[in-house]
PDB file of N, CA and C in Angstrom:
ATOM      1  N   UNK A   1     -18.407  27.191-116.881  1.00  0.00           N
ATOM      2  CA  UNK A   1     -18.099  25.810-116.567  1.00  0.00           C
ATOM      3  C   UNK A   1     -17.168  25.772-117.993  1.00  0.00           C
ATOM      4  N   UNK A   2     -16.458  24.784-117.940  1.00  0.00           N
ATOM      5  CA  UNK A   2     -15.837  25.289-119.305  1.00  0.00           C
ATOM      6  C   UNK A   2     -15.982  23.918-119.362  1.00  0.00           C
ATOM      7  N   UNK A   3     -15.663  23.427-120.870  1.00  0.00           N
ATOM      8  CA  UNK A   3     -15.765  22.140-121.690  1.00  0.00           C
ATOM      9  C   UNK A   3     -14.885  20.863-121.105  1.00  0.00           C
ATOM     10  N   UNK A   4     -15.649  20.025-120.509  1.00  0.00           N
ATOM     11  CA  UNK A   4     -14.357  18.853-120.038  1.00  0.00           C
ATOM     12  C   UNK A   4     -15.056  17.043-120.923  1.00  0.00           C
ATOM     13  N   UNK A   5     -15.525  17.359-122.353  1.00  0.00           N
ATOM     14  CA  UNK A   5     -16.044  16.471-123.265  1.00  0.00           C
ATOM     15  C   UNK A   5     -15.335  16.368-124.604  1.00  0.00           C
ATOM     16  N   UNK A   6     -14.711  15.676-125.594  1.00  0.00           N
ATOM     17  CA  UNK A   6     -14.905  16.182-125.693  1.00  0.00           C
ATOM     18  C   UNK A   6     -15.766  15.404-127.472  1.00  0.00           C
ATOM     19  N   UNK A   7     -15.567  15.514-128.676  1.00  0.00           N
ATOM     20  CA  UNK A   7     -16.304  15.554-130.182  1.00  0.00           C
ATOM     21  C   UNK A   7     -17.462  13.552-129.747  1.00  0.00           C
ATOM     22  N   UNK A   8     -16.132  12.899-129.524  1.00  0.00           N
ATOM     23  CA  UNK A   8     -17.046  12.035-129.892  1.00  0.00           C
ATOM     24  C   UNK A   8     -17.969  11.471-128.467  1.00  0.00           C
ATOM     25  N   UNK A   9     -16.991  11.582-127.258  1.00  0.00           N
ATOM     26  CA  UNK A   9     -17.592  11.514-126.372  1.00  0.00           C
ATOM     27  C   UNK A   9     -19.130  12.873-126.053  1.00  0.00           C
ATOM     28  N   UNK A  10     -19.055  13.367-126.229  1.00  0.00           N
ATOM     29  CA  UNK A  10     -21.007  14.455-126.362  1.00  0.00           C
ATOM     30  C   UNK A  10     -21.440  13.746-127.766  1.00  0.00           C
ATOM     31  N   UNK A  11     -21.040  12.951-129.209  1.00  0.00           N
ATOM     32  CA  UNK A  11     -22.015  12.288-129.925  1.00  0.00           C
ATOM     33  C   UNK A  11     -22.701  11.241-129.421  1.00  0.00           C
ATOM     34  N   UNK A  12     -21.569  10.872-128.571  1.00  0.00           N
ATOM     35  CA  UNK A  12     -22.314   8.984-128.217  1.00  0.00           C
ATOM     36  C   UNK A  12     -22.911   8.912-126.439  1.00  0.00           C
ATOM     37  N   UNK A  13     -22.414  10.344-126.192  1.00  0.00           N
ATOM     38  CA  UNK A  13     -23.157  10.675-125.431  1.00  0.00           C
ATOM     39  C   UNK A  13     -24.767  11.007-126.323  1.00  0.00           C
ATOM     40  N   UNK A  14     -25.363  12.009-126.869  1.00  0.00           N
ATOM     41  CA  UNK A  14     -26.358  11.963-127.513  1.00  0.00           C
ATOM     42  C   UNK A  14     -26.719  10.691-127.623  1.00  0.00           C
ATOM     43  N   UNK A  15     -26.067   9.628-128.944  1.00  0.00           N
ATOM     44  CA  UNK A  15     -26.939   9.033-129.108  1.00  0.00           C
ATOM     45  C   UNK A  15     -27.938   7.757-128.473  1.00  0.00           C
ATOM     46  N   UNK A  16     -26.927   7.797-126.844  1.00  0.00           N
ATOM     47  CA  UNK A  16     -27.144   6.601-126.468  1.00  0.00           C
ATOM     48  C   UNK A  16     -28.255   7.317-125.403  1.00  0.00           C
ATOM     49  N   UNK A  17     -27.979   8.468-125.396  1.00  0.00           N
ATOM     50  CA  UNK A  17     -29.577   9.559-125.320  1.00  0.00           C
ATOM     51  C   UNK A  17     -30.468   9.171-125.827  1.00  0.00           C
ATOM     52  N   UNK A  18     -30.614   9.409-126.425  1.00  0.00           N
ATOM     53  CA  UNK A  18     -31.754   8.864-127.740  1.00  0.00           C
ATOM     54  C   UNK A  18     -32.494   7.586-127.450  1.00  0.00           C
ATOM     55  N   UNK A  19     -31.396   6.609-128.320  1.00  0.00           N
ATOM     56  CA  UNK A  19     -30.971   5.084-127.639  1.00  0.00           C
ATOM     57  C   UNK A  19     -32.846   5.312-126.714  1.00  0.00           C
ATOM     58  N   UNK A  20     -32.120   5.861-125.443  1.00  0.00           N
ATOM     59  CA  UNK A  20     -33.145   5.899-123.363  1.00  0.00           C
ATOM     60  C   UNK A  20     -34.332   5.915-123.823  1.00  0.00           C
ATOM     61  N   UNK A  21     -34.084   7.127-124.545  1.00  0.00           N
ATOM     62  CA  UNK A  21     -35.828   7.738-124.285  1.00  0.00           C
ATOM     63  C   UNK A  21     -36.256   6.938-125.357  1.00  0.00           C
ATOM     64  N   UNK A  22     -36.021   6.659-126.813  1.00  0.00           N
ATOM     65  CA  UNK A  22     -37.268   5.757-127.637  1.00  0.00           C
ATOM     66  C   UNK A  22     -37.653   4.573-127.018  1.00  0.00           C
ATOM     67  N   UNK A  23     -36.420   3.460-125.821  1.00  0.00           N
ATOM     68  CA  UNK A  23     -36.334   2.473-125.586  1.00  0.00           C
ATOM     69  C   UNK A  23     -37.504   2.713-124.535  1.00  0.00           C
ATOM     70  N   UNK A  24     -37.282   4.249-123.755  1.00  0.00           N
ATOM     71  CA  UNK A  24     -38.415   4.593-123.080  1.00  0.00           C
ATOM     72  C   UNK A  24     -39.752   4.324-123.199  1.00  0.00           C
ATOM     73  N   UNK A  25     -39.641   5.206-125.011  1.00  0.00           N
ATOM     74  CA  UNK A  25     -41.393   5.633-125.480  1.00  0.00           C
ATOM     75  C   UNK A  25     -41.773   4.082-125.706  1.00  0.00           C
ATOM     76  N   UNK A  26     -41.256   2.446-126.097  1.00  0.00           N
ATOM     77  CA  UNK A  26     -41.884   2.044-126.206  1.00  0.00           C
ATOM     78  C   UNK A  26     -41.748   1.297-125.479  1.00  0.00           C
ATOM     79  N   UNK A  27     -41.544   1.377-124.057  1.00  0.00           N
ATOM     80  CA  UNK A  27     -41.638   0.253-122.531  1.00  0.00           C
ATOM     81  C   UNK A  27     -42.762   1.125-122.247  1.00  0.00           C
ATOM     82  N   UNK A  28     -43.480   0.368-121.211  1.00  0.00           N
ATOM     83  CA  UNK A  28     -44.948   0.554-120.985  1.00  0.00           C
ATOM     84  C   UNK A  28     -44.831   1.156-119.363  1.00  0.00           C
ATOM     85  N   UNK A  29     -45.226   1.951-118.927  1.00  0.00           N
ATOM     86  CA  UNK A  29     -45.268   2.454-117.207  1.00  0.00           C
ATOM     87  C   UNK A  29     -44.468   3.201-117.331  1.00  0.00           C
ATOM     88  N   UNK A  30     -44.563   2.870-115.584  1.00  0.00           N
ATOM     89  CA  UNK A  30     -43.451   3.660-114.821  1.00  0.00           C
ATOM     90  C   UNK A  30     -41.861   3.873-115.250  1.00  0.00           C
ATOM     91  N   UNK A  31     -41.500   2.280-115.882  1.00  0.00           N
ATOM     92  CA  UNK A  31     -40.245   2.273-115.921  1.00  0.00           C
ATOM     93  C   UNK A  31     -40.180   2.924-117.395  1.00  0.00           C
ATOM     94  N   UNK A  32     -40.826   3.310-118.218  1.00  0.00           N
ATOM     95  CA  UNK A  32     -41.210   3.843-119.389  1.00  0.00           C
ATOM     96  C   UNK A  32     -40.124   5.052-119.585  1.00  0.00           C
ATOM     97  N   UNK A  33     -41.195   5.124-118.677  1.00  0.00           N
ATOM     98  CA  UNK A  33     -40.857   7.263-117.907  1.00  0.00           C
ATOM     99  C   UNK A  33     -39.654   7.162-117.262  1.00  0.00           C
ATOM    100  N   UNK A  34     -38.994   6.425-116.384  1.00  0.00           N
ATOM    101  CA  UNK A  34     -37.758   6.525-115.734  1.00  0.00           C
ATOM    102  C   UNK A  34     -36.646   6.487-116.676  1.00  0.00           C
ATOM    103  N   UNK A  35     -37.387   4.935-117.667  1.00  0.00           N
ATOM    104  CA  UNK A  35     -35.453   4.871-118.706  1.00  0.00           C
ATOM    105  C   UNK A  35     -35.429   6.181-119.881  1.00  0.00           C
ATOM    106  N   UNK A  36     -37.087   6.741-119.395  1.00  0.00           N
ATOM    107  CA  UNK A  36     -36.460   8.112-120.790  1.00  0.00           C
ATOM    108  C   UNK A  36     -36.489   8.965-120.203  1.00  0.00           C
ATOM    109  N   UNK A  37     -35.946   9.224-118.831  1.00  0.00           N
ATOM    110  CA  UNK A  37     -35.812  10.822-118.058  1.00  0.00           C
ATOM    111  C   UNK A  37     -33.948  10.388-117.837  1.00  0.00           C
ATOM    112  N   UNK A  38     -34.379   9.481-117.248  1.00  0.00           N
ATOM    113  CA  UNK A  38     -32.492   9.162-117.540  1.00  0.00           C
ATOM    114  C   UNK A  38     -31.926   9.289-118.699  1.00  0.00           C
ATOM    115  N   UNK A  39     -32.579   9.066-119.825  1.00  0.00           N
ATOM    116  CA  UNK A  39     -31.939   9.045-121.034  1.00  0.00           C
ATOM    117  C   UNK A  39     -31.662  10.510-121.488  1.00  0.00           C
ATOM    118  N   UNK A  40     -32.530  11.506-120.493  1.00  0.00           N
ATOM    119  CA  UNK A  40     -31.949  12.955-121.047  1.00  0.00           C
ATOM    120  C   UNK A  40     -31.072  13.609-120.572  1.00  0.00           C
ATOM    121  N   UNK A  41     -30.582  12.364-119.035  1.00  0.00           N
ATOM    122  CA  UNK A  41     -28.718  13.525-118.768  1.00  0.00           C
ATOM    123  C   UNK A  41     -28.068  13.100-119.654  1.00  0.00           C
ATOM    124  N   UNK A  42     -27.719  11.668-120.248  1.00  0.00           N
ATOM    125  CA  UNK A  42     -26.847  12.187-121.385  1.00  0.00           C
ATOM    126  C   UNK A  42     -26.275  13.255-122.580  1.00  0.00           C
ATOM    127  N   UNK A  43     -28.131  13.603-122.786  1.00  0.00           N
ATOM    128  CA  UNK A  43     -28.614  14.626-123.521  1.00  0.00           C
ATOM    129  C   UNK A  43     -27.718  15.391-123.480  1.00  0.00           C
ATOM    130  N   UNK A  44     -28.153  16.122-122.172  1.00  0.00           N
ATOM    131  CA  UNK A  44     -28.040  16.832-121.677  1.00  0.00           C
ATOM    132  C   UNK A  44     -26.023  17.446-121.696  1.00  0.00           C
ATOM    133  N   UNK A  45     -25.995  16.846-121.277  1.00  0.00           N
ATOM    134  CA  UNK A  45     -24.476  16.720-121.068  1.00  0.00           C
ATOM    135  C   UNK A  45     -23.574  16.115-122.876  1.00  0.00           C
ATOM    136  N   UNK A  46     -23.994  15.715-122.523  1.00  0.00           N
ATOM    137  CA  UNK A  46     -23.375  16.266-124.548  1.00  0.00           C
ATOM    138  C   UNK A  46     -24.354  17.424-125.264  1.00  0.00           C
ATOM    139  N   UNK A  47     -24.723  17.835-125.667  1.00  0.00           N
ATOM    140  CA  UNK A  47     -25.715  18.615-125.961  1.00  0.00           C
ATOM    141  C   UNK A  47     -24.015  20.292-125.363  1.00  0.00           C
ATOM    142  N   UNK A  48     -24.319  20.057-124.450  1.00  0.00           N
ATOM    143  CA  UNK A  48     -23.890  21.167-123.397  1.00  0.00           C
ATOM    144  C   UNK A  48     -22.705  21.228-123.874  1.00  0.00           C
ATOM    145  N   UNK A  49     -21.932  19.917-123.264  1.00  0.00           N
ATOM    146  CA  UNK A  49     -20.558  19.518-123.390  1.00  0.00           C
ATOM    147  C   UNK A  49     -19.610  19.201-121.720  1.00  0.00           C
ATOM    148  N   UNK A  50     -20.681  19.561-121.567  1.00  0.00           N
ATOM    149  CA  UNK A  50     -20.056  19.865-119.304  1.00  0.00           C
ATOM    150  C   UNK A  50     -20.902  18.821-118.356  1.00  0.00           C
ATOM    151  N   UNK A  51     -19.429  17.850-117.963  1.00  0.00           N
ATOM    152  CA  UNK A  51     -20.559  16.387-117.091  1.00  0.00           C
ATOM    153  C   UNK A  51     -20.499  16.473-115.657  1.00  0.00           C
ATOM    154  N   UNK A  52     -20.802  17.284-114.865  1.00  0.00           N
ATOM    155  CA  UNK A  52     -20.935  17.490-113.869  1.00  0.00           C
ATOM    156  C   UNK A  52     -20.320  15.977-112.790  1.00  0.00           C
ATOM    157  N   UNK A  53     -19.670  14.910-113.779  1.00  0.00           N
ATOM    158  CA  UNK A  53     -18.954  13.558-112.401  1.00  0.00           C
ATOM    159  C   UNK A  53     -17.543  14.085-113.042  1.00  0.00           C
ATOM    160  N   UNK A  54     -17.726  14.398-114.712  1.00  0.00           N
ATOM    161  CA  UNK A  54     -16.173  14.226-115.081  1.00  0.00           C
ATOM    162  C   UNK A  54     -15.509  15.153-113.936  1.00  0.00           C
ATOM    163  N   UNK A  55     -16.077  16.152-113.974  1.00  0.00           N
ATOM    164  CA  UNK A  55     -15.692  17.947-113.604  1.00  0.00           C
ATOM    165  C   UNK A  55     -15.171  17.624-111.809  1.00  0.00           C
ATOM    166  N   UNK A  56     -15.830  17.119-111.251  1.00  0.00           N
ATOM    167  CA  UNK A  56     -16.006  16.037-109.542  1.00  0.00           C
ATOM    168  C   UNK A  56     -14.362  15.211-109.516  1.00  0.00           C
ATOM    169  N   UNK A  57     -14.188  14.304-110.734  1.00  0.00           N
ATOM    170  CA  UNK A  57     -12.936  13.084-110.649  1.00  0.00           C
ATOM    171  C   UNK A  57     -11.731  14.463-110.677  1.00  0.00           C
ATOM    172  N   UNK A  58     -11.607  15.068-112.603  1.00  0.00           N
ATOM    173  CA  UNK A  58     -10.479  15.606-112.637  1.00  0.00           C
ATOM    174  C   UNK A  58     -11.051  15.926-113.882  1.00  0.00           C
ATOM    175  N   UNK A  59     -12.110  14.521-114.560  1.00  0.00           N
ATOM    176  CA  UNK A  59     -11.260  13.543-115.758  1.00  0.00           C
ATOM    177  C   UNK A  59     -11.901  15.523-117.000  1.00  0.00           C
ATOM    178  N   UNK A  60     -11.076  14.745-118.076  1.00  0.00           N
ATOM    179  CA  UNK A  60     -11.533  15.418-119.583  1.00  0.00           C
ATOM    180  C   UNK A  60     -10.835  14.349-120.599  1.00  0.00           C
ATOM    181  N   UNK A  61     -12.103  14.223-121.431  1.00  0.00           N
ATOM    182  CA  UNK A  61     -12.035  14.419-122.693  1.00  0.00           C
ATOM    183  C   UNK A  61     -11.718  14.600-123.864  1.00  0.00           C
ATOM    184  N   UNK A  62     -10.942  16.526-123.829  1.00  0.00           N
ATOM    185  CA  UNK A  62     -11.159  16.820-124.967  1.00  0.00           C
ATOM    186  C   UNK A  62      -9.999  16.719-125.386  1.00  0.00           C
ATOM    187  N   UNK A  63      -9.611  17.747-126.975  1.00  0.00           N
ATOM    188  CA  UNK A  63      -8.183  16.651-127.235  1.00  0.00           C
ATOM    189  C   UNK A  63      -7.212  18.100-126.333  1.00  0.00           C
ATOM    190  N   UNK A  64      -6.096  17.895-126.470  1.00  0.00           N
ATOM    191  CA  UNK A  64      -5.064  18.193-125.831  1.00  0.00           C
ATOM    192  C   UNK A  64      -4.698  19.812-126.859  1.00  0.00           C
ATOM    193  N   UNK A  65      -4.395  20.844-126.292  1.00  0.00           N
ATOM    194  CA  UNK A  65      -3.915  21.914-127.876  1.00  0.00           C
ATOM    195  C   UNK A  65      -2.687  22.011-127.813  1.00  0.00           C
ATOM    196  N   UNK A  66      -2.414  22.120-128.424  1.00  0.00           N
ATOM    197  CA  UNK A  66      -0.777  22.128-129.333  1.00  0.00           C
ATOM    198  C   UNK A  66      -0.013  23.339-129.416  1.00  0.00           C
TER     199      UNK A  66
END
């Protein structure tokens, strides 16, 4: 897997993912569990630096090497 996420993209994904996980814990029931699980997706892609959707669409937010 080649990295296809830039640093800002990765940081934003992790922050948004953490926010969703926290919101999920604050929400009761199955909805809260679902929100928390959805929040794990951007955290995972942000940590790894690779997004399967970006890969399918040929998108990369990595800085261009000179």
